C-alpha cells in the first residue's frame, strides 16, 4: 500500500461520520490518488492547480455538480487533516471552491400510490403487518429508508406513559421524535 493510500485510510478512520459518508469520501480520495499517480505527482508536490485540473477533468466527464462538490469536500478535508497532522507544510486545497449545487425536493409517492402499496400488504400475516408499518413510516411519517431500517423495538417509548411516538436516528446520528 502506498503512503498516499495509508494516509487516506488514516484520515477516513479519524472521521466521526456515518459509514456511507466515509465510504464515499474513500472512493473520492482513491480516485484523486489515481489521478495523482497517473500525473506522476507525489503528495508533497501537489499544488492547487493540480487539484483544479483534476476537477476540470471530472467536469469534462459530465459528473453532476453535487458529486463534484462532495469530492471537493473530501479533498479539502483530507489536505486539512494532512496539514494539521504535520504531514504537509501547506494545504494546497484550502482555496479550492466547490461548484454551486441546486437543492431539489425528493421524489415522493402520490397518495394513491401509497394506498396501492398498503393494499398489497397481507395483514393476516406478520410479514404483511410489518410491511404495512414500514410503508406508513416511509410514506406518511417521512422517514428515510436508512432511518426506518435502523429502527429497534427500543425506539418506541412505553406507550402506556407517553404519547405514541418514535425515536428516529437520522443523518449524522441526530435524533428526532416522530409522532405515530
N, C-alpha and C. Protein backbone atom coordinates (compact mmCIF):
# COMPACT_ATOMS: atom_id res chain seq x y z
N UNK A 1 0.85 -1.18 0.00
CA UNK A 1 0.00 0.00 0.00
C UNK A 1 0.89 1.24 0.00
N UNK A 2 0.56 2.22 -0.85
CA UNK A 2 1.37 3.43 -0.92
C UNK A 2 1.12 4.29 0.31
N UNK A 3 2.04 5.23 0.53
CA UNK A 3 1.85 6.13 1.67
C UNK A 3 0.62 7.01 1.47
N UNK A 4 0.31 7.34 0.20
CA UNK A 4 -0.89 8.12 -0.12
C UNK A 4 -2.12 7.35 0.38
N UNK A 5 -2.21 6.07 0.05
CA UNK A 5 -3.35 5.25 0.47
C UNK A 5 -3.38 5.06 1.98
N UNK A 6 -2.21 4.94 2.59
CA UNK A 6 -2.16 4.78 4.05
C UNK A 6 -2.66 6.05 4.73
N UNK A 7 -2.33 7.21 4.20
CA UNK A 7 -2.81 8.46 4.77
C UNK A 7 -4.31 8.64 4.55
N UNK A 8 -4.80 8.18 3.41
CA UNK A 8 -6.25 8.21 3.17
C UNK A 8 -6.95 7.35 4.21
N UNK A 9 -6.43 6.17 4.44
CA UNK A 9 -7.02 5.27 5.43
C UNK A 9 -6.99 5.90 6.83
N UNK A 10 -5.88 6.53 7.17
CA UNK A 10 -5.75 7.20 8.47
C UNK A 10 -6.79 8.32 8.61
N UNK A 11 -6.94 9.11 7.54
CA UNK A 11 -7.93 10.20 7.54
C UNK A 11 -9.35 9.66 7.70
N UNK A 12 -9.70 8.64 6.93
CA UNK A 12 -11.06 8.09 6.99
C UNK A 12 -11.35 7.50 8.36
N UNK A 13 -10.35 6.89 8.96
CA UNK A 13 -10.52 6.31 10.29
C UNK A 13 -10.83 7.39 11.32
N UNK A 14 -10.26 8.59 11.12
CA UNK A 14 -10.45 9.69 12.07
C UNK A 14 -11.79 10.39 11.91
N UNK A 15 -12.48 10.17 10.80
CA UNK A 15 -13.75 10.86 10.57
C UNK A 15 -14.84 10.33 11.50
N UNK A 16 -15.59 11.23 12.13
CA UNK A 16 -16.65 10.79 13.05
C UNK A 16 -17.99 10.59 12.35
N UNK A 17 -17.99 10.35 11.06
CA UNK A 17 -19.21 10.33 10.28
C UNK A 17 -19.74 8.92 10.06
N UNK A 18 -20.92 8.87 9.46
CA UNK A 18 -21.55 7.60 9.14
C UNK A 18 -20.70 6.83 8.12
N UNK A 19 -20.87 5.52 8.13
CA UNK A 19 -20.10 4.64 7.24
C UNK A 19 -20.28 5.00 5.77
N UNK A 20 -21.51 5.34 5.36
CA UNK A 20 -21.76 5.68 3.95
C UNK A 20 -20.93 6.88 3.52
N UNK A 21 -20.83 7.88 4.38
CA UNK A 21 -20.05 9.08 4.06
C UNK A 21 -18.57 8.74 3.96
N UNK A 22 -18.09 7.96 4.92
CA UNK A 22 -16.67 7.57 4.88
C UNK A 22 -16.35 6.77 3.61
N UNK A 23 -17.26 5.88 3.22
CA UNK A 23 -17.03 5.10 2.00
C UNK A 23 -17.00 5.99 0.77
N UNK A 24 -17.92 6.95 0.69
CA UNK A 24 -17.95 7.87 -0.46
C UNK A 24 -16.68 8.70 -0.50
N UNK A 25 -16.26 9.23 0.64
CA UNK A 25 -15.02 10.01 0.69
C UNK A 25 -13.83 9.14 0.31
N UNK A 26 -13.83 7.89 0.76
CA UNK A 26 -12.74 6.98 0.42
C UNK A 26 -12.64 6.77 -1.09
N UNK A 27 -13.78 6.54 -1.74
CA UNK A 27 -13.78 6.39 -3.20
C UNK A 27 -13.28 7.66 -3.88
N UNK A 28 -13.73 8.81 -3.39
CA UNK A 28 -13.32 10.09 -3.97
C UNK A 28 -11.81 10.28 -3.84
N UNK A 29 -11.29 9.99 -2.66
CA UNK A 29 -9.86 10.20 -2.44
C UNK A 29 -9.01 9.19 -3.20
N UNK A 30 -9.48 7.96 -3.33
CA UNK A 30 -8.74 6.98 -4.13
C UNK A 30 -8.75 7.38 -5.61
N UNK A 31 -9.85 7.95 -6.07
CA UNK A 31 -9.89 8.44 -7.45
C UNK A 31 -8.87 9.57 -7.64
N UNK A 32 -8.80 10.46 -6.67
CA UNK A 32 -7.82 11.54 -6.74
C UNK A 32 -6.40 10.99 -6.66
N UNK A 33 -6.17 9.99 -5.81
CA UNK A 33 -4.85 9.36 -5.71
C UNK A 33 -4.46 8.73 -7.04
N UNK A 34 -5.44 8.10 -7.72
CA UNK A 34 -5.17 7.53 -9.04
C UNK A 34 -4.80 8.59 -10.05
N UNK A 35 -5.48 9.71 -10.01
CA UNK A 35 -5.16 10.83 -10.90
C UNK A 35 -3.73 11.32 -10.63
N UNK A 36 -3.38 11.47 -9.35
CA UNK A 36 -2.04 11.93 -8.99
C UNK A 36 -0.97 10.94 -9.46
N UNK A 37 -1.26 9.66 -9.29
CA UNK A 37 -0.32 8.62 -9.74
C UNK A 37 -0.12 8.71 -11.25
N UNK A 38 -1.24 8.87 -11.97
CA UNK A 38 -1.19 8.97 -13.44
C UNK A 38 -0.36 10.19 -13.87
N UNK A 39 -0.48 11.27 -13.11
CA UNK A 39 0.26 12.51 -13.42
C UNK A 39 1.67 12.51 -12.84
N UNK A 40 2.03 11.46 -12.11
CA UNK A 40 3.37 11.37 -11.52
C UNK A 40 3.57 12.33 -10.35
N UNK A 41 2.50 12.60 -9.61
CA UNK A 41 2.58 13.56 -8.52
C UNK A 41 2.72 12.85 -7.17
N UNK A 42 3.68 13.29 -6.41
CA UNK A 42 3.83 12.85 -5.03
C UNK A 42 2.99 13.79 -4.17
N UNK A 43 2.56 13.33 -3.02
CA UNK A 43 1.72 14.17 -2.15
C UNK A 43 2.34 15.54 -1.88
N UNK A 44 3.62 15.57 -1.62
CA UNK A 44 4.27 16.83 -1.27
C UNK A 44 4.39 17.77 -2.47
N UNK A 45 4.19 17.26 -3.69
CA UNK A 45 4.31 18.09 -4.89
C UNK A 45 2.97 18.68 -5.35
N UNK A 46 1.88 18.26 -4.74
CA UNK A 46 0.56 18.70 -5.19
C UNK A 46 0.33 20.16 -4.80
N UNK A 47 -0.12 20.92 -5.78
CA UNK A 47 -0.48 22.33 -5.54
C UNK A 47 -1.93 22.52 -5.99
N UNK A 48 -2.47 23.70 -5.72
CA UNK A 48 -3.87 23.97 -6.03
C UNK A 48 -4.19 23.74 -7.50
N UNK A 49 -3.28 24.09 -8.40
CA UNK A 49 -3.53 23.90 -9.84
C UNK A 49 -3.77 22.43 -10.18
N UNK A 50 -3.05 21.52 -9.53
CA UNK A 50 -3.25 20.08 -9.79
C UNK A 50 -4.66 19.66 -9.38
N UNK A 51 -5.09 20.14 -8.24
CA UNK A 51 -6.42 19.79 -7.75
C UNK A 51 -7.49 20.35 -8.69
N UNK A 52 -7.31 21.57 -9.13
CA UNK A 52 -8.28 22.19 -10.04
C UNK A 52 -8.29 21.49 -11.40
N UNK A 53 -7.13 21.01 -11.86
CA UNK A 53 -7.08 20.24 -13.12
C UNK A 53 -7.84 18.93 -12.96
N UNK A 54 -7.72 18.29 -11.81
CA UNK A 54 -8.47 17.08 -11.53
C UNK A 54 -9.97 17.35 -11.64
N UNK A 55 -10.42 18.45 -11.05
CA UNK A 55 -11.84 18.78 -11.11
C UNK A 55 -12.28 19.21 -12.50
N UNK A 56 -11.39 19.79 -13.26
CA UNK A 56 -11.72 20.13 -14.65
C UNK A 56 -11.97 18.84 -15.44
N UNK A 57 -11.17 17.81 -15.18
CA UNK A 57 -11.38 16.51 -15.85
C UNK A 57 -12.73 15.92 -15.45
N UNK A 58 -13.06 16.01 -14.17
CA UNK A 58 -14.34 15.48 -13.69
C UNK A 58 -15.50 16.23 -14.34
N UNK A 59 -15.35 17.53 -14.48
CA UNK A 59 -16.39 18.33 -15.12
C UNK A 59 -16.55 17.93 -16.57
N UNK A 60 -15.43 17.71 -17.24
CA UNK A 60 -15.46 17.29 -18.64
C UNK A 60 -16.14 15.93 -18.79
N UNK A 61 -15.98 15.07 -17.78
CA UNK A 61 -16.60 13.74 -17.81
C UNK A 61 -18.11 13.82 -17.59
N UNK A 62 -18.61 14.99 -17.21
CA UNK A 62 -20.05 15.17 -17.07
C UNK A 62 -20.61 14.83 -15.70
N UNK A 63 -19.74 14.79 -14.67
CA UNK A 63 -20.24 14.50 -13.33
C UNK A 63 -21.13 15.63 -12.83
N UNK A 64 -22.15 15.27 -12.08
CA UNK A 64 -23.08 16.25 -11.52
C UNK A 64 -22.34 17.19 -10.56
N UNK A 65 -22.86 18.41 -10.44
CA UNK A 65 -22.28 19.39 -9.52
C UNK A 65 -22.24 18.86 -8.09
N UNK A 66 -23.30 18.17 -7.67
CA UNK A 66 -23.35 17.66 -6.30
C UNK A 66 -22.26 16.61 -6.06
N UNK A 67 -21.96 15.80 -7.05
CA UNK A 67 -20.90 14.81 -6.92
C UNK A 67 -19.54 15.49 -6.84
N UNK A 68 -19.33 16.47 -7.71
CA UNK A 68 -18.05 17.20 -7.68
C UNK A 68 -17.91 17.97 -6.37
N UNK A 69 -19.00 18.51 -5.85
CA UNK A 69 -18.95 19.25 -4.58
C UNK A 69 -18.55 18.31 -3.44
N UNK A 70 -19.06 17.09 -3.43
CA UNK A 70 -18.67 16.13 -2.40
C UNK A 70 -17.19 15.79 -2.52
N UNK A 71 -16.71 15.63 -3.76
CA UNK A 71 -15.30 15.32 -3.97
C UNK A 71 -14.41 16.47 -3.50
N UNK A 72 -14.86 17.71 -3.73
CA UNK A 72 -14.11 18.88 -3.24
C UNK A 72 -14.04 18.82 -1.71
N UNK A 73 -15.18 18.54 -1.06
CA UNK A 73 -15.21 18.46 0.40
C UNK A 73 -14.27 17.36 0.90
N UNK A 74 -14.26 16.23 0.23
CA UNK A 74 -13.38 15.13 0.64
C UNK A 74 -11.91 15.53 0.51
N UNK A 75 -11.55 16.14 -0.60
CA UNK A 75 -10.15 16.50 -0.83
C UNK A 75 -9.72 17.65 0.09
N UNK A 76 -10.59 18.65 0.27
CA UNK A 76 -10.25 19.74 1.19
C UNK A 76 -10.06 19.21 2.61
N UNK A 77 -10.97 18.34 3.05
CA UNK A 77 -10.85 17.77 4.39
C UNK A 77 -9.59 16.94 4.55
N UNK A 78 -9.26 16.18 3.51
CA UNK A 78 -8.06 15.34 3.54
C UNK A 78 -6.79 16.18 3.68
N UNK A 79 -6.69 17.23 2.87
CA UNK A 79 -5.50 18.07 2.94
C UNK A 79 -5.46 18.90 4.23
N UNK A 80 -6.61 19.28 4.77
CA UNK A 80 -6.65 19.96 6.07
C UNK A 80 -6.11 19.00 7.14
N UNK A 81 -6.55 17.75 7.08
CA UNK A 81 -6.06 16.73 8.01
C UNK A 81 -4.54 16.57 7.89
N UNK A 82 -4.05 16.51 6.65
CA UNK A 82 -2.61 16.30 6.45
C UNK A 82 -1.78 17.46 6.99
N UNK A 83 -2.27 18.70 6.82
CA UNK A 83 -1.51 19.85 7.33
C UNK A 83 -1.61 19.91 8.85
N UNK A 84 -2.77 19.65 9.43
CA UNK A 84 -2.91 19.68 10.88
C UNK A 84 -2.10 18.57 11.56
N UNK A 85 -1.96 17.44 10.87
CA UNK A 85 -1.19 16.31 11.43
C UNK A 85 0.31 16.46 11.17
N UNK A 86 0.70 17.50 10.43
CA UNK A 86 2.12 17.75 10.18
C UNK A 86 2.70 16.99 9.01
N UNK A 87 1.86 16.34 8.19
CA UNK A 87 2.36 15.62 7.02
C UNK A 87 2.70 16.57 5.88
N UNK A 88 2.04 17.72 5.84
CA UNK A 88 2.30 18.74 4.82
C UNK A 88 2.45 20.09 5.51
N UNK A 89 3.31 20.95 4.92
CA UNK A 89 3.50 22.29 5.49
C UNK A 89 2.36 23.23 5.11
N UNK A 90 1.84 23.07 3.90
CA UNK A 90 0.76 23.95 3.43
C UNK A 90 -0.37 23.11 2.85
N UNK A 91 -1.58 23.67 2.90
CA UNK A 91 -2.77 22.99 2.40
C UNK A 91 -3.05 23.46 0.97
N UNK A 92 -2.75 22.64 -0.04
CA UNK A 92 -2.98 23.07 -1.42
C UNK A 92 -4.46 23.14 -1.80
N UNK A 93 -5.34 22.59 -0.98
CA UNK A 93 -6.77 22.58 -1.29
C UNK A 93 -7.54 23.66 -0.54
N UNK A 94 -6.84 24.48 0.24
CA UNK A 94 -7.52 25.45 1.10
C UNK A 94 -8.42 26.41 0.33
N UNK A 95 -8.05 26.75 -0.89
CA UNK A 95 -8.81 27.75 -1.65
C UNK A 95 -9.53 27.16 -2.86
N UNK A 96 -9.63 25.83 -2.91
CA UNK A 96 -10.38 25.19 -3.99
C UNK A 96 -11.86 25.37 -3.68
N UNK A 97 -12.61 25.84 -4.65
CA UNK A 97 -14.04 26.08 -4.42
C UNK A 97 -14.89 24.96 -5.01
N UNK A 98 -15.97 24.70 -4.34
CA UNK A 98 -16.91 23.67 -4.80
C UNK A 98 -17.93 24.30 -5.73
N UNK A 99 -18.42 23.53 -6.70
CA UNK A 99 -19.48 24.07 -7.57
C UNK A 99 -20.76 24.30 -6.77
N UNK A 100 -21.52 25.27 -7.20
CA UNK A 100 -22.81 25.54 -6.56
C UNK A 100 -23.75 24.38 -6.90
N UNK A 101 -24.47 23.95 -5.91
CA UNK A 101 -25.43 22.86 -6.15
C UNK A 101 -26.84 23.38 -5.91
N UNK A 102 -27.74 22.89 -6.71
CA UNK A 102 -29.15 23.24 -6.53
C UNK A 102 -29.78 22.24 -5.59
N UNK A 103 -30.54 22.75 -4.67
CA UNK A 103 -31.26 21.87 -3.76
C UNK A 103 -32.59 21.54 -4.42
N UNK A 104 -32.94 20.30 -4.40
CA UNK A 104 -34.21 19.90 -5.00
C UNK A 104 -34.99 19.05 -4.00
N UNK A 105 -36.28 19.09 -4.15
CA UNK A 105 -37.12 18.28 -3.28
C UNK A 105 -37.06 16.83 -3.72
N UNK A 106 -37.10 15.91 -2.77
CA UNK A 106 -37.06 14.49 -3.14
C UNK A 106 -38.35 14.08 -3.85
N UNK A 107 -38.24 13.05 -4.66
CA UNK A 107 -39.43 12.48 -5.29
C UNK A 107 -40.26 11.80 -4.21
N UNK A 108 -41.56 11.98 -4.27
CA UNK A 108 -42.45 11.36 -3.29
C UNK A 108 -43.56 10.61 -4.01
N UNK A 109 -44.13 9.65 -3.30
CA UNK A 109 -45.26 8.90 -3.84
C UNK A 109 -46.53 9.75 -3.75
N UNK A 110 -47.39 9.58 -4.73
CA UNK A 110 -48.71 10.18 -4.63
C UNK A 110 -49.50 9.36 -3.61
N UNK A 111 -50.52 9.95 -3.03
CA UNK A 111 -51.32 9.27 -2.03
C UNK A 111 -51.92 7.98 -2.59
N UNK A 112 -52.35 8.02 -3.85
CA UNK A 112 -52.92 6.81 -4.46
C UNK A 112 -51.88 5.70 -4.59
N UNK A 113 -50.62 6.07 -4.87
CA UNK A 113 -49.56 5.06 -4.97
C UNK A 113 -49.28 4.44 -3.60
N UNK A 114 -49.27 5.27 -2.57
CA UNK A 114 -49.06 4.76 -1.21
C UNK A 114 -50.21 3.82 -0.83
N UNK A 115 -51.43 4.21 -1.16
CA UNK A 115 -52.59 3.38 -0.84
C UNK A 115 -52.50 2.04 -1.57
N UNK A 116 -52.04 2.05 -2.82
CA UNK A 116 -51.86 0.80 -3.57
C UNK A 116 -50.86 -0.12 -2.86
N UNK A 117 -49.76 0.45 -2.36
CA UNK A 117 -48.77 -0.35 -1.64
C UNK A 117 -49.36 -0.91 -0.35
N UNK A 118 -50.10 -0.09 0.37
CA UNK A 118 -50.71 -0.56 1.62
C UNK A 118 -51.70 -1.68 1.36
N UNK A 119 -52.44 -1.59 0.25
CA UNK A 119 -53.42 -2.63 -0.08
C UNK A 119 -52.76 -3.95 -0.45
N UNK A 120 -51.52 -3.92 -0.88
CA UNK A 120 -50.79 -5.14 -1.23
C UNK A 120 -50.34 -5.94 -0.01
N UNK A 121 -50.32 -5.29 1.15
CA UNK A 121 -49.84 -5.95 2.37
C UNK A 121 -50.91 -6.90 2.91
N UNK A 122 -50.54 -8.17 3.06
CA UNK A 122 -51.44 -9.18 3.60
C UNK A 122 -51.43 -9.07 5.12
N UNK A 123 -52.45 -8.42 5.66
CA UNK A 123 -52.48 -8.14 7.10
C UNK A 123 -52.82 -9.36 7.95
N UNK A 124 -53.01 -10.51 7.30
CA UNK A 124 -53.25 -11.74 8.07
C UNK A 124 -51.94 -12.41 8.45
N UNK A 125 -50.83 -11.90 7.92
CA UNK A 125 -49.52 -12.48 8.19
C UNK A 125 -48.64 -11.45 8.90
N UNK A 126 -47.75 -11.90 9.77
CA UNK A 126 -46.84 -10.96 10.44
C UNK A 126 -46.00 -10.14 9.43
N UNK A 127 -45.56 -10.77 8.36
CA UNK A 127 -44.75 -10.04 7.37
C UNK A 127 -45.57 -8.95 6.68
N UNK A 128 -46.86 -9.20 6.48
CA UNK A 128 -47.73 -8.18 5.88
C UNK A 128 -47.94 -7.00 6.81
N UNK A 129 -48.10 -7.28 8.11
CA UNK A 129 -48.24 -6.21 9.09
C UNK A 129 -46.95 -5.38 9.18
N UNK A 130 -45.81 -6.09 9.14
CA UNK A 130 -44.52 -5.40 9.16
C UNK A 130 -44.37 -4.50 7.94
N UNK A 131 -44.69 -5.04 6.76
CA UNK A 131 -44.56 -4.27 5.52
C UNK A 131 -45.46 -3.04 5.53
N UNK A 132 -46.68 -3.22 6.02
CA UNK A 132 -47.62 -2.10 6.10
C UNK A 132 -47.06 -1.01 7.02
N UNK A 133 -46.54 -1.42 8.17
CA UNK A 133 -45.96 -0.45 9.11
C UNK A 133 -44.79 0.29 8.47
N UNK A 134 -43.97 -0.42 7.71
CA UNK A 134 -42.83 0.22 7.04
C UNK A 134 -43.31 1.24 6.02
N UNK A 135 -44.32 0.89 5.22
CA UNK A 135 -44.83 1.83 4.22
C UNK A 135 -45.46 3.05 4.86
N UNK A 136 -46.13 2.86 5.99
CA UNK A 136 -46.72 4.00 6.70
C UNK A 136 -45.61 4.92 7.21
N UNK A 137 -44.56 4.34 7.79
CA UNK A 137 -43.46 5.16 8.30
C UNK A 137 -42.78 5.93 7.17
N UNK A 138 -42.60 5.28 6.04
CA UNK A 138 -41.96 5.94 4.91
C UNK A 138 -42.86 6.99 4.26
N UNK A 139 -44.10 6.59 4.00
CA UNK A 139 -44.98 7.44 3.22
C UNK A 139 -45.72 8.50 3.99
N UNK A 140 -46.12 8.19 5.23
CA UNK A 140 -46.92 9.14 5.99
C UNK A 140 -46.14 9.87 7.08
N UNK A 141 -45.03 9.31 7.52
CA UNK A 141 -44.25 9.94 8.58
C UNK A 141 -42.93 10.50 8.08
N UNK A 142 -42.62 10.27 6.82
CA UNK A 142 -41.46 10.91 6.19
C UNK A 142 -40.11 10.37 6.60
N UNK A 143 -40.04 9.13 7.05
CA UNK A 143 -38.74 8.56 7.39
C UNK A 143 -37.96 8.26 6.12
N UNK A 144 -36.65 8.38 6.20
CA UNK A 144 -35.78 7.92 5.13
C UNK A 144 -35.67 6.40 5.24
N UNK A 145 -35.34 5.75 4.15
CA UNK A 145 -35.22 4.29 4.16
C UNK A 145 -34.19 3.86 5.20
N UNK A 146 -33.03 4.52 5.23
CA UNK A 146 -31.99 4.12 6.18
C UNK A 146 -32.45 4.34 7.62
N UNK A 147 -33.25 5.39 7.87
CA UNK A 147 -33.77 5.62 9.22
C UNK A 147 -34.70 4.48 9.63
N UNK A 148 -35.56 4.08 8.70
CA UNK A 148 -36.51 3.02 9.00
C UNK A 148 -35.78 1.70 9.26
N UNK A 149 -34.77 1.41 8.46
CA UNK A 149 -34.05 0.14 8.60
C UNK A 149 -33.26 0.06 9.90
N UNK A 150 -32.95 1.21 10.50
CA UNK A 150 -32.17 1.22 11.75
C UNK A 150 -33.05 1.17 13.00
N UNK A 151 -34.37 1.16 12.82
CA UNK A 151 -35.27 1.16 13.98
C UNK A 151 -35.16 -0.12 14.78
N UNK A 152 -35.30 0.03 16.08
CA UNK A 152 -35.34 -1.10 17.01
C UNK A 152 -36.60 -0.97 17.87
N UNK A 153 -37.02 -2.04 18.48
CA UNK A 153 -38.20 -2.01 19.34
C UNK A 153 -38.00 -0.97 20.45
N UNK A 154 -36.78 -0.82 20.93
CA UNK A 154 -36.49 0.14 22.00
C UNK A 154 -36.67 1.59 21.58
N UNK A 155 -36.84 1.84 20.28
CA UNK A 155 -37.06 3.21 19.81
C UNK A 155 -38.50 3.67 20.00
N UNK A 156 -39.36 2.77 20.45
CA UNK A 156 -40.75 3.11 20.73
C UNK A 156 -40.88 3.19 22.25
N UNK A 157 -41.03 4.40 22.80
CA UNK A 157 -41.14 4.51 24.26
C UNK A 157 -42.38 3.78 24.76
N UNK A 158 -42.42 3.51 26.04
CA UNK A 158 -43.55 2.82 26.66
C UNK A 158 -44.83 3.60 26.37
N UNK A 159 -45.69 3.05 25.53
CA UNK A 159 -46.89 3.75 25.10
C UNK A 159 -47.86 4.00 26.24
N UNK A 160 -47.72 3.27 27.32
CA UNK A 160 -48.61 3.43 28.46
C UNK A 160 -48.40 4.79 29.13
N UNK A 161 -47.20 5.32 29.04
CA UNK A 161 -46.87 6.54 29.77
C UNK A 161 -46.65 7.76 28.89
N UNK A 162 -46.73 7.62 27.60
CA UNK A 162 -46.45 8.78 26.75
C UNK A 162 -47.34 8.77 25.52
N UNK A 163 -47.27 9.85 24.80
CA UNK A 163 -47.95 9.91 23.51
C UNK A 163 -47.27 8.92 22.57
N UNK A 164 -48.03 8.31 21.64
CA UNK A 164 -47.39 7.39 20.70
C UNK A 164 -46.36 8.13 19.84
N UNK A 165 -45.12 7.74 19.95
CA UNK A 165 -44.06 8.39 19.21
C UNK A 165 -42.91 7.41 18.97
N UNK A 166 -42.01 7.84 18.12
CA UNK A 166 -40.90 7.01 17.71
C UNK A 166 -39.64 7.85 17.78
N UNK A 167 -38.55 7.29 18.27
CA UNK A 167 -37.26 7.98 18.26
C UNK A 167 -36.51 7.51 17.02
N UNK A 168 -36.19 8.46 16.15
CA UNK A 168 -35.56 8.14 14.87
C UNK A 168 -34.17 8.77 14.83
N UNK A 169 -33.17 7.97 14.43
CA UNK A 169 -31.82 8.48 14.25
C UNK A 169 -31.58 8.72 12.77
N UNK A 170 -31.31 9.98 12.44
CA UNK A 170 -31.13 10.36 11.05
C UNK A 170 -29.68 10.54 10.69
N UNK A 171 -29.46 11.33 9.68
CA UNK A 171 -28.09 11.59 9.21
C UNK A 171 -27.27 12.20 10.34
N UNK A 172 -26.04 11.78 10.42
CA UNK A 172 -25.15 12.31 11.45
C UNK A 172 -25.55 11.88 12.85
N UNK A 173 -26.30 10.79 12.97
CA UNK A 173 -26.77 10.25 14.25
C UNK A 173 -27.63 11.23 15.04
N UNK A 174 -28.24 12.20 14.35
CA UNK A 174 -29.14 13.13 15.02
C UNK A 174 -30.45 12.42 15.30
N UNK A 175 -30.97 12.62 16.50
CA UNK A 175 -32.23 12.00 16.88
C UNK A 175 -33.37 12.99 16.73
N UNK A 176 -34.55 12.47 16.35
CA UNK A 176 -35.75 13.28 16.31
C UNK A 176 -36.91 12.40 16.75
N UNK A 177 -37.96 13.06 17.20
CA UNK A 177 -39.15 12.35 17.64
C UNK A 177 -40.19 12.46 16.53
N UNK A 178 -40.77 11.32 16.16
CA UNK A 178 -41.81 11.27 15.12
C UNK A 178 -43.08 10.76 15.76
N UNK A 179 -44.16 11.54 15.70
CA UNK A 179 -45.42 11.04 16.27
C UNK A 179 -45.97 9.88 15.46
N UNK A 180 -46.60 8.94 16.15
CA UNK A 180 -47.17 7.78 15.45
C UNK A 180 -48.64 7.97 15.17
